[in-house]
C-alpha atoms as a PDB file:
ATOM      1  CA  MET A   1    -121.791 127.026  -0.036  1.00  0.00           C
ATOM      2  CA  ILE A   2    -118.370 128.746  -0.118  1.00  0.00           C
ATOM      3  CA  LYS A   3    -117.323 130.052   3.120  1.00  0.00           C
ATOM      4  CA  SER A   4    -115.741 133.452   3.870  1.00  0.00           C
ATOM      5  CA  ARG A   5    -112.596 133.973   5.990  1.00  0.00           C
ATOM      6  CA  GLY A   6    -114.700 136.079   8.121  1.00  0.00           C
ATOM      7  CA  PHE A   7    -111.838 137.418   9.932  1.00  0.00           C
ATOM      8  CA  LEU A   8    -109.713 139.338   7.116  1.00  0.00           C
ATOM      9  CA  TYR A   9    -109.439 142.368   9.534  1.00  0.00           C
ATOM     10  CA  LEU A  10    -106.866 140.418  11.096  1.00  0.00           C
ATOM     11  CA  PHE A  11    -105.069 139.897   7.771  1.00  0.00           C
ATOM     12  CA  GLY A  12    -102.818 143.063   7.875  1.00  0.00           C
ATOM     13  CA  LEU A  13    -101.576 142.326  11.468  1.00  0.00           C
ATOM     14  CA  MET A  14    -100.958 138.788  10.687  1.00  0.00           C
ATOM     15  CA  VAL A  15     -99.013 139.515   7.398  1.00  0.00           C
ATOM     16  CA  LEU A  16     -97.006 142.020   9.247  1.00  0.00           C
ATOM     17  CA  MET A  17     -96.171 139.690  11.993  1.00  0.00           C
ATOM     18  CA  LEU A  18     -95.074 137.118   9.193  1.00  0.00           C
ATOM     19  CA  GLY A  19     -93.001 139.602   7.721  1.00  0.00           C
ATOM     20  CA  VAL A  20     -91.233 140.407  10.876  1.00  0.00           C
ATOM     21  CA  GLY A  21     -90.834 136.595  11.556  1.00  0.00           C
ATOM     22  CA  LEU A  22     -89.208 135.974   8.325  1.00  0.00           C
ATOM     23  CA  ALA A  23     -87.051 139.143   8.345  1.00  0.00           C
ATOM     24  CA  CYS A  24     -85.643 137.793  11.763  1.00  0.00           C
ATOM     25  CA  GLY A  25     -85.444 134.301  10.674  1.00  0.00           C
ATOM     26  CA  SER A  26     -87.995 132.871  13.079  1.00  0.00           C
ATOM     27  CA  PRO A  27     -91.425 131.489  12.525  1.00  0.00           C
ATOM     28  CA  ALA A  28     -94.427 133.830  12.400  1.00  0.00           C
ATOM     29  CA  PRO A  29     -96.635 133.736  15.527  1.00  0.00           C
ATOM     30  CA  THR A  30     -99.371 131.431  15.559  1.00  0.00           C
ATOM     31  CA  PRO A  31    -102.872 133.378  15.490  1.00  0.00           C
ATOM     32  CA  THR A  32    -105.104 132.597  18.348  1.00  0.00           C
ATOM     33  CA  ALA A  33    -108.399 133.753  16.796  1.00  0.00           C
ATOM     34  CA  GLU A  34    -110.883 131.130  15.906  1.00  0.00           C
ATOM     35  CA  PRO A  35    -112.171 131.651  12.224  1.00  0.00           C
ATOM     36  CA  THR A  36    -115.810 132.095  11.570  1.00  0.00           C
ATOM     37  CA  THR A  37    -117.781 129.415   9.702  1.00  0.00           C
ATOM     38  CA  GLU A  38    -120.714 131.725   8.598  1.00  0.00           C
ATOM     39  CA  PRO A  39    -121.648 131.342   5.170  1.00  0.00           C
ATOM     40  CA  LEU A  40    -120.583 134.009   2.751  1.00  0.00           C
ATOM     41  CA  VAL A  41    -123.404 136.700   2.295  1.00  0.00           C
ATOM     42  CA  ALA A  42    -123.459 138.424  -0.938  1.00  0.00           C
ATOM     43  CA  PRO A  43    -122.970 142.005  -0.887  1.00  0.00           C
ATOM     44  CA  THR A  44    -125.717 144.218  -2.266  1.00  0.00           C
ATOM     45  CA  SER A  45    -123.796 146.589  -4.291  1.00  0.00           C
ATOM     46  CA  ALA A  46    -122.248 146.015  -7.677  1.00  0.00           C
ATOM     47  CA  PRO A  47    -119.679 148.082  -9.621  1.00  0.00           C
ATOM     48  CA  ALA A  48    -121.524 148.366 -12.768  1.00  0.00           C
ATOM     49  CA  GLU A  49    -125.258 148.431 -13.850  1.00  0.00           C
ATOM     50  CA  PRO A  50    -125.200 145.543 -16.589  1.00  0.00           C
ATOM     51  CA  SER A  51    -126.470 142.220 -15.562  1.00  0.00           C
ATOM     52  CA  GLY A  52    -126.806 138.640 -16.909  1.00  0.00           C
ATOM     53  CA  ASP A  53    -124.249 137.492 -19.265  1.00  0.00           C
ATOM     54  CA  GLU A  54    -123.084 140.949 -20.125  1.00  0.00           C
ATOM     55  CA  LEU A  55    -119.384 141.395 -19.168  1.00  0.00           C
ATOM     56  CA  VAL A  56    -118.103 144.136 -16.994  1.00  0.00           C
ATOM     57  CA  THR A  57    -114.512 145.390 -16.297  1.00  0.00           C
ATOM     58  CA  PHE A  58    -113.310 145.584 -12.657  1.00  0.00           C
ATOM     59  CA  THR A  59    -110.152 147.847 -12.418  1.00  0.00           C
ATOM     60  CA  ASP A  60    -108.125 147.698  -8.969  1.00  0.00           C
ATOM     61  CA  GLU A  61    -108.215 151.044  -7.349  1.00  0.00           C
ATOM     62  CA  ASN A  62    -104.371 151.217  -7.580  1.00  0.00           C
ATOM     63  CA  ASP A  63    -104.205 149.900 -11.219  1.00  0.00           C
ATOM     64  CA  TYR A  64    -102.546 146.785 -10.316  1.00  0.00           C
ATOM     65  CA  LEU A  65    -105.028 144.507 -12.244  1.00  0.00           C
ATOM     66  CA  GLU A  66    -107.976 144.409 -14.332  1.00  0.00           C
ATOM     67  CA  PHE A  67    -110.386 141.643 -15.328  1.00  0.00           C
ATOM     68  CA  ASP A  68    -113.835 140.970 -17.053  1.00  0.00           C
ATOM     69  CA  LEU A  69    -116.654 139.088 -15.312  1.00  0.00           C
ATOM     70  CA  PRO A  70    -120.523 138.732 -15.521  1.00  0.00           C
ATOM     71  CA  GLY A  71    -122.341 141.874 -14.711  1.00  0.00           C
ATOM     72  CA  ASP A  72    -124.760 140.348 -12.327  1.00  0.00           C
ATOM     73  CA  TRP A  73    -122.028 139.077  -9.833  1.00  0.00           C
ATOM     74  CA  ALA A  74    -122.348 141.084  -6.655  1.00  0.00           C
ATOM     75  CA  TYR A  75    -119.369 143.091  -5.479  1.00  0.00           C
ATOM     76  CA  GLY A  76    -117.984 143.887  -2.095  1.00  0.00           C
ATOM     77  CA  GLN A  77    -114.781 145.293  -0.322  1.00  0.00           C
ATOM     78  CA  ASP A  78    -113.174 145.061   2.880  1.00  0.00           C
ATOM     79  CA  LYS A  79    -109.953 147.209   3.606  1.00  0.00           C
ATOM     80  CA  ASP A  80    -107.720 148.287   6.285  1.00  0.00           C
ATOM     81  CA  GLU A  81    -109.220 151.406   7.442  1.00  0.00           C
ATOM     82  CA  GLU A  82    -106.571 152.258  10.120  1.00  0.00           C
ATOM     83  CA  ASN A  83    -103.400 151.776   8.248  1.00  0.00           C
ATOM     84  CA  ASP A  84    -104.480 151.251   4.748  1.00  0.00           C
ATOM     85  CA  PHE A  85    -102.026 148.367   4.128  1.00  0.00           C
ATOM     86  CA  TRP A  86    -104.413 146.007   2.488  1.00  0.00           C
ATOM     87  CA  TYR A  87    -107.754 145.803   0.685  1.00  0.00           C
ATOM     88  CA  TRP A  88    -109.900 142.612  -0.411  1.00  0.00           C
ATOM     89  CA  ASP A  89    -112.149 143.016  -3.486  1.00  0.00           C
ATOM     90  CA  TYR A  90    -114.554 140.165  -4.199  1.00  0.00           C
ATOM     91  CA  PHE A  91    -117.392 139.177  -6.461  1.00  0.00           C
ATOM     92  CA  VAL A  92    -120.026 136.638  -5.695  1.00  0.00           C
ATOM     93  CA  SER A  93    -122.204 134.745  -8.167  1.00  0.00           C
ATOM     94  CA  PRO A  94    -125.796 135.154  -7.951  1.00  0.00           C
ATOM     95  CA  ASP A  95    -126.449 131.637  -6.289  1.00  0.00           C
ATOM     96  CA  GLU A  96    -123.133 132.276  -4.079  1.00  0.00           C
ATOM     97  CA  HIS A  97    -121.694 129.019  -5.554  1.00  0.00           C
ATOM     98  CA  ALA A  98    -118.618 130.734  -7.065  1.00  0.00           C
ATOM     99  CA  VAL A  99    -116.492 133.670  -6.168  1.00  0.00           C
ATOM    100  CA  VAL A 100    -113.683 135.815  -7.757  1.00  0.00           C
ATOM    101  CA  GLU A 101    -111.207 137.714  -5.293  1.00  0.00           C
ATOM    102  CA  SER A 102    -108.431 139.871  -5.321  1.00  0.00           C
ATOM    103  CA  VAL A 103    -106.229 140.723  -2.092  1.00  0.00           C
ATOM    104  CA  VAL A 104    -103.632 143.311  -2.203  1.00  0.00           C
ATOM    105  CA  PHE A 105    -101.210 144.141   0.641  1.00  0.00           C
ATOM    106  CA  ASP A 106     -98.415 146.768   0.811  1.00  0.00           C
ATOM    107  CA  ASP A 107     -96.994 148.114   3.857  1.00  0.00           C
ATOM    108  CA  GLY A 108     -93.763 149.419   2.204  1.00  0.00           C
ATOM    109  CA  THR A 109     -91.748 146.453   3.283  1.00  0.00           C
ATOM    110  CA  ALA A 110     -89.779 144.598   0.383  1.00  0.00           C
ATOM    111  CA  TRP A 111     -90.663 140.920   0.110  1.00  0.00           C
ATOM    112  CA  THR A 112     -87.357 138.966  -0.232  1.00  0.00           C
ATOM    113  CA  GLY A 113     -86.487 135.354  -1.193  1.00  0.00           C
ATOM    114  CA  SER A 114     -89.372 132.986  -0.609  1.00  0.00           C
ATOM    115  CA  SER A 115     -91.416 135.164   1.636  1.00  0.00           C
ATOM    116  CA  SER A 116     -94.116 135.544  -0.688  1.00  0.00           C
ATOM    117  CA  GLY A 117     -94.550 131.865  -1.345  1.00  0.00           C
ATOM    118  CA  LYS A 118     -94.772 131.249   2.210  1.00  0.00           C
ATOM    119  CA  GLN A 119     -97.402 134.097   2.659  1.00  0.00           C
ATOM    120  CA  ALA A 120     -99.581 132.535  -0.118  1.00  0.00           C
ATOM    121  CA  LEU A 121     -99.496 129.162   1.497  1.00  0.00           C
ATOM    122  CA  TYR A 122    -100.225 130.692   4.909  1.00  0.00           C
ATOM    123  CA  MET A 123    -103.446 132.564   3.369  1.00  0.00           C
ATOM    124  CA  LEU A 124    -104.523 129.112   1.881  1.00  0.00           C
ATOM    125  CA  HIS A 125    -104.278 127.304   5.007  1.00  0.00           C
ATOM    126  CA  GLN A 126    -105.586 129.977   7.227  1.00  0.00           C
ATOM    127  CA  PHE A 127    -107.934 131.971   5.140  1.00  0.00           C
ATOM    128  CA  TYR A 128    -109.308 129.657   2.473  1.00  0.00           C
ATOM    129  CA  SER A 129    -109.574 126.198   4.251  1.00  0.00           C
ATOM    130  CA  ASP A 130    -112.910 125.213   5.650  1.00  0.00           C
ATOM    131  CA  THR A 131    -111.396 124.527   9.108  1.00  0.00           C
ATOM    132  CA  GLY A 132    -108.990 127.639   9.376  1.00  0.00           C
ATOM    133  CA  GLU A 133    -106.174 125.151   9.973  1.00  0.00           C
ATOM    134  CA  GLU A 134    -103.554 123.530   8.059  1.00  0.00           C
ATOM    135  CA  GLY A 135    -104.361 120.195   6.521  1.00  0.00           C
ATOM    136  CA  ASP A 136    -107.618 121.035   5.038  1.00  0.00           C
ATOM    137  CA  ILE A 137    -106.301 122.506   1.832  1.00  0.00           C
ATOM    138  CA  ARG A 138    -104.700 119.986  -0.658  1.00  0.00           C
ATOM    139  CA  ILE A 139    -102.661 121.468  -3.415  1.00  0.00           C
ATOM    140  CA  SER A 140    -102.714 119.700  -6.651  1.00  0.00           C
ATOM    141  CA  ASP A 141    -100.426 121.806  -8.916  1.00  0.00           C
ATOM    142  CA  ASP A 142     -98.227 124.532  -8.327  1.00  0.00           C
ATOM    143  CA  SER A 143     -96.602 126.273 -11.227  1.00  0.00           C
ATOM    144  CA  ILE A 144     -94.660 129.517 -12.352  1.00  0.00           C
ATOM    145  CA  GLN A 145     -96.554 131.407 -15.011  1.00  0.00           C
ATOM    146  CA  LYS A 146     -95.103 133.322 -18.043  1.00  0.00           C
ATOM    147  CA  ASP A 147     -95.767 136.670 -16.204  1.00  0.00           C
ATOM    148  CA  GLY A 148     -93.732 135.693 -13.244  1.00  0.00           C
ATOM    149  CA  SER A 149     -96.753 134.839 -10.994  1.00  0.00           C
ATOM    150  CA  GLU A 150     -97.285 131.539  -9.334  1.00  0.00           C
ATOM    151  CA  ARG A 151    -100.320 129.511  -9.700  1.00  0.00           C
ATOM    152  CA  LEU A 152    -101.619 127.365  -6.967  1.00  0.00           C
ATOM    153  CA  VAL A 153    -104.539 124.691  -7.920  1.00  0.00           C
ATOM    154  CA  TRP A 154    -106.177 123.509  -4.676  1.00  0.00           C
ATOM    155  CA  GLU A 155    -109.149 121.950  -2.876  1.00  0.00           C
ATOM    156  CA  SER A 156    -110.836 122.073   0.478  1.00  0.00           C
ATOM    157  CA  LYS A 157    -111.083 118.466   1.615  1.00  0.00           C
ATOM    158  CA  SER A 158    -113.786 119.066   4.078  1.00  0.00           C
ATOM    159  CA  GLY A 159    -115.525 122.102   2.634  1.00  0.00           C
ATOM    160  CA  ASP A 160    -116.307 120.319  -0.662  1.00  0.00           C
ATOM    161  CA  TYR A 161    -115.042 123.533  -2.711  1.00  0.00           C
ATOM    162  CA  SER A 162    -111.965 124.141  -4.977  1.00  0.00           C
ATOM    163  CA  GLY A 163    -109.815 127.153  -6.135  1.00  0.00           C
ATOM    164  CA  ILE A 164    -107.264 128.329  -8.333  1.00  0.00           C
ATOM    165  CA  SER A 165    -104.909 131.176  -6.795  1.00  0.00           C
ATOM    166  CA  PHE A 166    -102.201 133.479  -8.242  1.00  0.00           C
ATOM    167  CA  PHE A 167     -99.871 135.379  -6.247  1.00  0.00           C
ATOM    168  CA  GLU A 168     -96.905 137.797  -7.092  1.00  0.00           C
ATOM    169  CA  VAL A 169     -95.169 140.800  -5.819  1.00  0.00           C
ATOM    170  CA  ARG A 170     -95.130 144.198  -7.548  1.00  0.00           C
ATOM    171  CA  ASN A 171     -92.799 147.091  -6.954  1.00  0.00           C
ATOM    172  CA  ARG A 172     -90.825 144.877  -4.488  1.00  0.00           C
ATOM    173  CA  THR A 173     -93.542 145.744  -1.609  1.00  0.00           C
ATOM    174  CA  ALA A 174     -96.984 144.944  -3.009  1.00  0.00           C
ATOM    175  CA  PHE A 175     -98.101 141.631  -2.444  1.00  0.00           C
ATOM    176  CA  LEU A 176    -101.103 140.486  -4.804  1.00  0.00           C
ATOM    177  CA  MET A 177    -103.195 137.254  -4.546  1.00  0.00           C
ATOM    178  CA  PHE A 178    -106.031 136.515  -7.078  1.00  0.00           C
ATOM    179  CA  THR A 179    -108.543 133.688  -6.444  1.00  0.00           C
ATOM    180  CA  VAL A 180    -111.187 132.051  -8.181  1.00  0.00           C
ATOM    181  CA  LYS A 181    -113.136 129.403  -6.102  1.00  0.00           C
ATOM    182  CA  TRP A 182    -116.402 127.279  -6.529  1.00  0.00           C
ATOM    183  CA  ASP A 183    -118.372 124.613  -4.696  1.00  0.00           C
ATOM    184  CA  ASN A 184    -117.545 121.344  -6.475  1.00  0.00           C
ATOM    185  CA  ASP A 185    -120.960 120.232  -7.079  1.00  0.00           C
ATOM    186  CA  PHE A 186    -121.096 123.380  -9.318  1.00  0.00           C
ATOM    187  CA  GLU A 187    -117.885 123.105 -11.015  1.00  0.00           C
ATOM    188  CA  ASP A 188    -119.633 122.263 -14.542  1.00  0.00           C
ATOM    189  CA  GLN A 189    -121.603 125.442 -14.232  1.00  0.00           C
ATOM    190  CA  TYR A 190    -118.976 127.783 -13.422  1.00  0.00           C
ATOM    191  CA  LEU A 191    -115.494 126.390 -14.431  1.00  0.00           C
ATOM    192  CA  ASP A 192    -115.636 128.006 -17.991  1.00  0.00           C
ATOM    193  CA  THR A 193    -116.638 131.234 -16.560  1.00  0.00           C
ATOM    194  CA  LEU A 194    -114.049 131.560 -13.984  1.00  0.00           C
ATOM    195  CA  ASN A 195    -111.387 130.257 -16.554  1.00  0.00           C
ATOM    196  CA  ALA A 196    -112.667 133.222 -18.760  1.00  0.00           C
ATOM    197  CA  VAL A 197    -112.209 135.651 -16.058  1.00  0.00           C
ATOM    198  CA  ILE A 198    -108.603 134.163 -15.385  1.00  0.00           C
ATOM    199  CA  ASP A 199    -107.906 134.541 -19.094  1.00  0.00           C
ATOM    200  CA  SER A 200    -109.159 138.268 -19.112  1.00  0.00           C
ATOM    201  CA  TYR A 201    -106.790 139.275 -16.134  1.00  0.00           C
ATOM    202  CA  ARG A 202    -104.352 141.832 -17.199  1.00  0.00           C
ATOM    203  CA  ILE A 203    -102.477 144.811 -16.000  1.00  0.00           C
ATOM    204  CA  PRO A 204    -104.433 148.116 -16.774  1.00  0.00           C
END
């Protein structure tokens, strides 16, 4: 099954270190923590009562984004309780073979040049890979969208799952990354649903 990044509590610290490294013209420090390989456990709470094929609308707490998805997908959120720099909303299918995620990071520092692209690649290689290391994620397509976001189509070679991620910067300081992912054996079952979620993505 699709695996969780497990150590997203380090996300804010790592992004902050990356931003400082880019601002100073030096590479970001290499994290020393080992990623967990525990399977993603579906949360028990959901944002709305409808179930089955009935769609519900999720709206980001800061109105950065909104999208529709099946009402029986379980919802969860992790966030930076100390500094309030980042939060991570995620939805898991009932059988845990597909996931929709949204990460928002904003510490008030402006993103410049290619720093957002470097951060997106860093996240793919560190948080979305099966190994937690560079080399597992293979990007098959990288394209700029009409709304200015960048789309990355990728696959974990050792994890046997795939995903599509979109990233962008809003208001100069807010980094957004929106991802759908699925276990490869369940692509036929979930790809149409995930594409519909992507198509419904909008700014409230």
